[in-house]
Amino acid sequence: MTLETTTIGALAIILIMALVTLATRWGGMFVMSFIPISYRVQQFISAMSGSVLVALLAPLALEGDLGARLALLATAVVMLTVKKPLPAIAAGILVAALVRQLAA
């Protein structure tokens, strides 16, 4: 399936993505409304966010370029020292941009 990337095509893609996002979020809330939140379920939910983060970052760390790896390192160092996500994300973006600019 292909959509033209004209103005209407781009708006259609954005609308479809928004609907899919809403469906998954509302669907998850609907399903979880039937599950009692026990201690074990609460532990699972808490651990799930970390596992999703690792699943997203591990391939980048293993197969990413130098800019990506240094950005991950900078983000981790700033997060561990400052303990605030916004400066850590900003540091990662800045390092990736600088490395890629200097390497080009």
C-alpha atoms as a PDB file:
ATOM      1  CA  MET A   1       0.000   0.000   0.000  1.00  0.00           C
ATOM      2  CA  THR A   2       1.363   3.388  -0.940  1.00  0.00           C
ATOM      3  CA  LEU A   3       0.050   6.874  -0.338  1.00  0.00           C
ATOM      4  CA  GLU A   4       1.055   9.933  -2.248  1.00  0.00           C
ATOM      5  CA  THR A   5       3.125  12.270  -0.123  1.00  0.00           C
ATOM      6  CA  THR A   6       1.218  15.308  -1.212  1.00  0.00           C
ATOM      7  CA  THR A   7      -0.451  17.471   1.401  1.00  0.00           C
ATOM      8  CA  ILE A   8      -3.546  15.266   1.557  1.00  0.00           C
ATOM      9  CA  GLY A   9      -1.437  12.079   1.637  1.00  0.00           C
ATOM     10  CA  ALA A  10       0.699  13.394   4.496  1.00  0.00           C
ATOM     11  CA  LEU A  11      -2.405  14.452   6.429  1.00  0.00           C
ATOM     12  CA  ALA A  12      -3.922  11.008   5.853  1.00  0.00           C
ATOM     13  CA  ILE A  13      -0.776   9.329   7.197  1.00  0.00           C
ATOM     14  CA  ILE A  14      -0.791  11.564  10.281  1.00  0.00           C
ATOM     15  CA  LEU A  15      -4.479  10.896  10.883  1.00  0.00           C
ATOM     16  CA  ILE A  16      -4.037   7.118  10.537  1.00  0.00           C
ATOM     17  CA  MET A  17      -1.065   7.150  12.922  1.00  0.00           C
ATOM     18  CA  ALA A  18      -3.031   9.211  15.443  1.00  0.00           C
ATOM     19  CA  LEU A  19      -5.965   6.789  15.278  1.00  0.00           C
ATOM     20  CA  VAL A  20      -3.717   3.762  15.729  1.00  0.00           C
ATOM     21  CA  THR A  21      -2.004   5.435  18.696  1.00  0.00           C
ATOM     22  CA  LEU A  22      -5.336   6.262  20.309  1.00  0.00           C
ATOM     23  CA  ALA A  23      -6.650   2.741  19.700  1.00  0.00           C
ATOM     24  CA  THR A  24      -3.638   1.117  21.343  1.00  0.00           C
ATOM     25  CA  ARG A  25      -3.698   3.470  24.329  1.00  0.00           C
ATOM     26  CA  TRP A  26      -7.436   3.214  24.878  1.00  0.00           C
ATOM     27  CA  GLY A  27      -7.342  -0.523  24.193  1.00  0.00           C
ATOM     28  CA  GLY A  28      -4.651  -1.013  26.808  1.00  0.00           C
ATOM     29  CA  MET A  29      -6.633   0.969  29.354  1.00  0.00           C
ATOM     30  CA  PHE A  30      -9.760  -1.036  28.496  1.00  0.00           C
ATOM     31  CA  VAL A  31      -7.992  -4.378  28.928  1.00  0.00           C
ATOM     32  CA  MET A  32      -6.299  -3.279  32.163  1.00  0.00           C
ATOM     33  CA  SER A  33      -9.666  -2.226  33.597  1.00  0.00           C
ATOM     34  CA  PHE A  34     -10.503  -5.947  33.876  1.00  0.00           C
ATOM     35  CA  ILE A  35      -7.241  -6.925  35.597  1.00  0.00           C
ATOM     36  CA  PRO A  36      -6.939  -6.412  39.355  1.00  0.00           C
ATOM     37  CA  ILE A  37      -3.725  -4.543  40.188  1.00  0.00           C
ATOM     38  CA  SER A  38      -2.000  -6.930  42.569  1.00  0.00           C
ATOM     39  CA  TYR A  39       1.560  -6.567  43.818  1.00  0.00           C
ATOM     40  CA  ARG A  40       2.808  -8.920  41.086  1.00  0.00           C
ATOM     41  CA  VAL A  41       1.013  -7.002  38.317  1.00  0.00           C
ATOM     42  CA  GLN A  42       2.396  -3.738  39.697  1.00  0.00           C
ATOM     43  CA  GLN A  43       5.941  -5.170  39.609  1.00  0.00           C
ATOM     44  CA  PHE A  44       5.406  -6.319  36.016  1.00  0.00           C
ATOM     45  CA  ILE A  45       4.206  -2.876  34.926  1.00  0.00           C
ATOM     46  CA  SER A  46       7.167  -1.208  36.642  1.00  0.00           C
ATOM     47  CA  ALA A  47       9.678  -3.557  35.006  1.00  0.00           C
ATOM     48  CA  MET A  48       8.064  -3.289  31.582  1.00  0.00           C
ATOM     49  CA  SER A  49       9.114   0.316  30.969  1.00  0.00           C
ATOM     50  CA  GLY A  50      12.768  -0.509  31.591  1.00  0.00           C
ATOM     51  CA  SER A  51      12.647  -3.564  29.351  1.00  0.00           C
ATOM     52  CA  VAL A  52      11.099  -1.560  26.509  1.00  0.00           C
ATOM     53  CA  LEU A  53      13.834   1.057  26.879  1.00  0.00           C
ATOM     54  CA  VAL A  54      16.549  -1.604  26.744  1.00  0.00           C
ATOM     55  CA  ALA A  55      14.897  -3.237  23.722  1.00  0.00           C
ATOM     56  CA  LEU A  56      14.990   0.096  21.894  1.00  0.00           C
ATOM     57  CA  LEU A  57      18.527   1.096  22.863  1.00  0.00           C
ATOM     58  CA  ALA A  58      20.401  -2.217  22.650  1.00  0.00           C
ATOM     59  CA  PRO A  59      20.344  -2.450  18.831  1.00  0.00           C
ATOM     60  CA  LEU A  60      21.413   1.174  18.613  1.00  0.00           C
ATOM     61  CA  ALA A  61      24.332   0.554  20.955  1.00  0.00           C
ATOM     62  CA  LEU A  62      25.404  -2.570  19.078  1.00  0.00           C
ATOM     63  CA  GLU A  63      24.898  -1.502  15.472  1.00  0.00           C
ATOM     64  CA  GLY A  64      24.773   2.292  15.620  1.00  0.00           C
ATOM     65  CA  ASP A  65      27.426   4.605  14.291  1.00  0.00           C
ATOM     66  CA  LEU A  66      29.940   6.489  16.426  1.00  0.00           C
ATOM     67  CA  GLY A  67      27.552   9.408  16.870  1.00  0.00           C
ATOM     68  CA  ALA A  68      24.807   7.166  18.219  1.00  0.00           C
ATOM     69  CA  ARG A  69      27.123   5.356  20.618  1.00  0.00           C
ATOM     70  CA  LEU A  70      28.640   8.548  21.972  1.00  0.00           C
ATOM     71  CA  ALA A  71      25.163  10.055  22.300  1.00  0.00           C
ATOM     72  CA  LEU A  72      24.045   7.061  24.381  1.00  0.00           C
ATOM     73  CA  LEU A  73      27.150   7.389  26.537  1.00  0.00           C
ATOM     74  CA  ALA A  74      26.638  11.123  27.033  1.00  0.00           C
ATOM     75  CA  THR A  75      22.976  10.616  27.888  1.00  0.00           C
ATOM     76  CA  ALA A  76      23.821   7.940  30.452  1.00  0.00           C
ATOM     77  CA  VAL A  77      26.584   9.998  32.072  1.00  0.00           C
ATOM     78  CA  VAL A  78      24.451  13.139  32.357  1.00  0.00           C
ATOM     79  CA  MET A  79      21.462  11.145  33.632  1.00  0.00           C
ATOM     80  CA  LEU A  80      23.557   9.451  36.308  1.00  0.00           C
ATOM     81  CA  THR A  81      25.112  12.720  37.468  1.00  0.00           C
ATOM     82  CA  VAL A  82      22.236  15.189  37.185  1.00  0.00           C
ATOM     83  CA  LYS A  83      19.348  12.683  37.567  1.00  0.00           C
ATOM     84  CA  LYS A  84      17.084  14.735  35.303  1.00  0.00           C
ATOM     85  CA  PRO A  85      15.953  13.430  31.915  1.00  0.00           C
ATOM     86  CA  LEU A  86      15.712  16.693  29.974  1.00  0.00           C
ATOM     87  CA  PRO A  87      19.398  17.694  30.314  1.00  0.00           C
ATOM     88  CA  ALA A  88      20.408  14.090  29.576  1.00  0.00           C
ATOM     89  CA  ILE A  89      18.353  13.996  26.385  1.00  0.00           C
ATOM     90  CA  ALA A  90      19.694  17.392  25.349  1.00  0.00           C
ATOM     91  CA  ALA A  91      23.261  16.216  25.928  1.00  0.00           C
ATOM     92  CA  GLY A  92      22.685  13.111  23.825  1.00  0.00           C
ATOM     93  CA  ILE A  93      21.215  15.103  20.961  1.00  0.00           C
ATOM     94  CA  LEU A  94      24.032  17.643  21.129  1.00  0.00           C
ATOM     95  CA  VAL A  95      26.754  14.981  21.147  1.00  0.00           C
ATOM     96  CA  ALA A  96      25.165  13.099  18.232  1.00  0.00           C
ATOM     97  CA  ALA A  97      24.867  16.306  16.214  1.00  0.00           C
ATOM     98  CA  LEU A  98      28.440  17.397  16.956  1.00  0.00           C
ATOM     99  CA  VAL A  99      29.994  14.027  16.173  1.00  0.00           C
ATOM    100  CA  ARG A 100      28.072  13.690  12.938  1.00  0.00           C
ATOM    101  CA  GLN A 101      28.880  17.256  11.918  1.00  0.00           C
ATOM    102  CA  LEU A 102      32.592  16.862  12.632  1.00  0.00           C
ATOM    103  CA  ALA A 103      32.774  13.459  10.941  1.00  0.00           C
ATOM    104  CA  ALA A 104      31.208  14.732   7.721  1.00  0.00           C
END
